[in-house]
Amino acid sequence: MKDTKEKILVTGGAGFIGSHLCEQLLKQGSHITVIDNFDDYYSKDIKIKNIQLFIQNSNCIFLEIDIRNKEAIYEQCIGNYSCIIHLAAKAGVRPSIESPIEYQEVNVMGTQNLLEFARTKGIKQFVFASSSSVYGINQNFPWKENDYVLNPISPYASTKVSGELLGHVYSHLYGIRFIALRFFTVFGPRQRPDLAIYSFTKKIIEGHPIHVFGDGSTKRDYTYVDDIVAGIINASKYSDSIFEVFNLGNNQTITLAEMICSIEAKLEKKAIINRLPQQPGDVPITCANIEKSKSLLHYTPKTNFYDGLDKFIAWYHSLKIELDE
């Protein structure tokens, strides 16, 4: 009897967003092949822990592959995939300023390798994890996808613009449906330890100073990870056009100062603040217009910042209890 279950290739599946996505895809009955190279940007142990949540599932194949290694992709990814969901990337705005060549190699050449793989294997759906950072310094708030005047101000942001443009080329030339999703400040359980909510929570609990760049007035459109995952899955099924760009945000901006105050209130402990100058590459505000995503992807964020923060802190406490045991 022919197996009719959907087969999806997920890159970066051991990471924060990727591990949540893989769990949800398996719950929905998909067969998934997951690739990750356990990049040393943060601890491999964290990623190993992430994949333990789903790696034993009989509908999951895990492969340790670097997306720069084109030969390994072709030799090991042998499934008949209906879709590629490409999350793997070198992350972080500030580190990209220190290592721009490596970011270019992973985020641009790696994406091209996967698009070539899709072309040669006849895979017609490609979902790409882009970033709100592509908008850069843009005063037209809230940011809309059809605002083509992008002003990226970091190597990381430029690589995401390049990925979107590569996708347009392959969509136009080879009929690959390319869906770029611009993520806005994703947070929640399993968040990367370098990101502000995780880092601040840990340091406040432990009584260490937190580094605050600028006066605390910068704003971010924090988006809970479950909402992002729902948007990714809807994008993997989208079929109304051959190329689209969508914002996945929460349409609600929170200042850095307000974020810190919220963590303090939930932990019932004051932060020790070490105030530093604003960093190169950081934008003053991110703010998503999500009307297009609501209309075409049926994307509806369900978790506001404060409820999401409750869930993150509950997860963090459970993690600490587990480590102490």
Foldseek 3Di string as FASTA:
>chain_A
DDDPAAEEEEEPLLADLNLVLVVVCVVVPHQYEYEYQCDVPDDSVLSVVSCVVPCPPPSYHYDHDQLLPLVCCVVPVPDLHQEYEYDDADDDFVVCQVPLVVRLSRLQSSLVSVLVVCQVSVHQEYEYEAALLQQPADPPPQDDPPPPPTDHFGSNSVSRVNSQVVLVVSCVPRVRQYEYEHEWAEDAARPDCVDDLNVQLVCQVVVHADEAAPDQFAKTQYAYSVLVSLLSVLSRVADPDRYYYAYRTQQDIDTRVRSQVLSCVVVVTHHHYDYHHHDGRDGRYHGHDHPVCCVRSVRDGDDHPNNRSVRRVVSVVVVVVVVVD
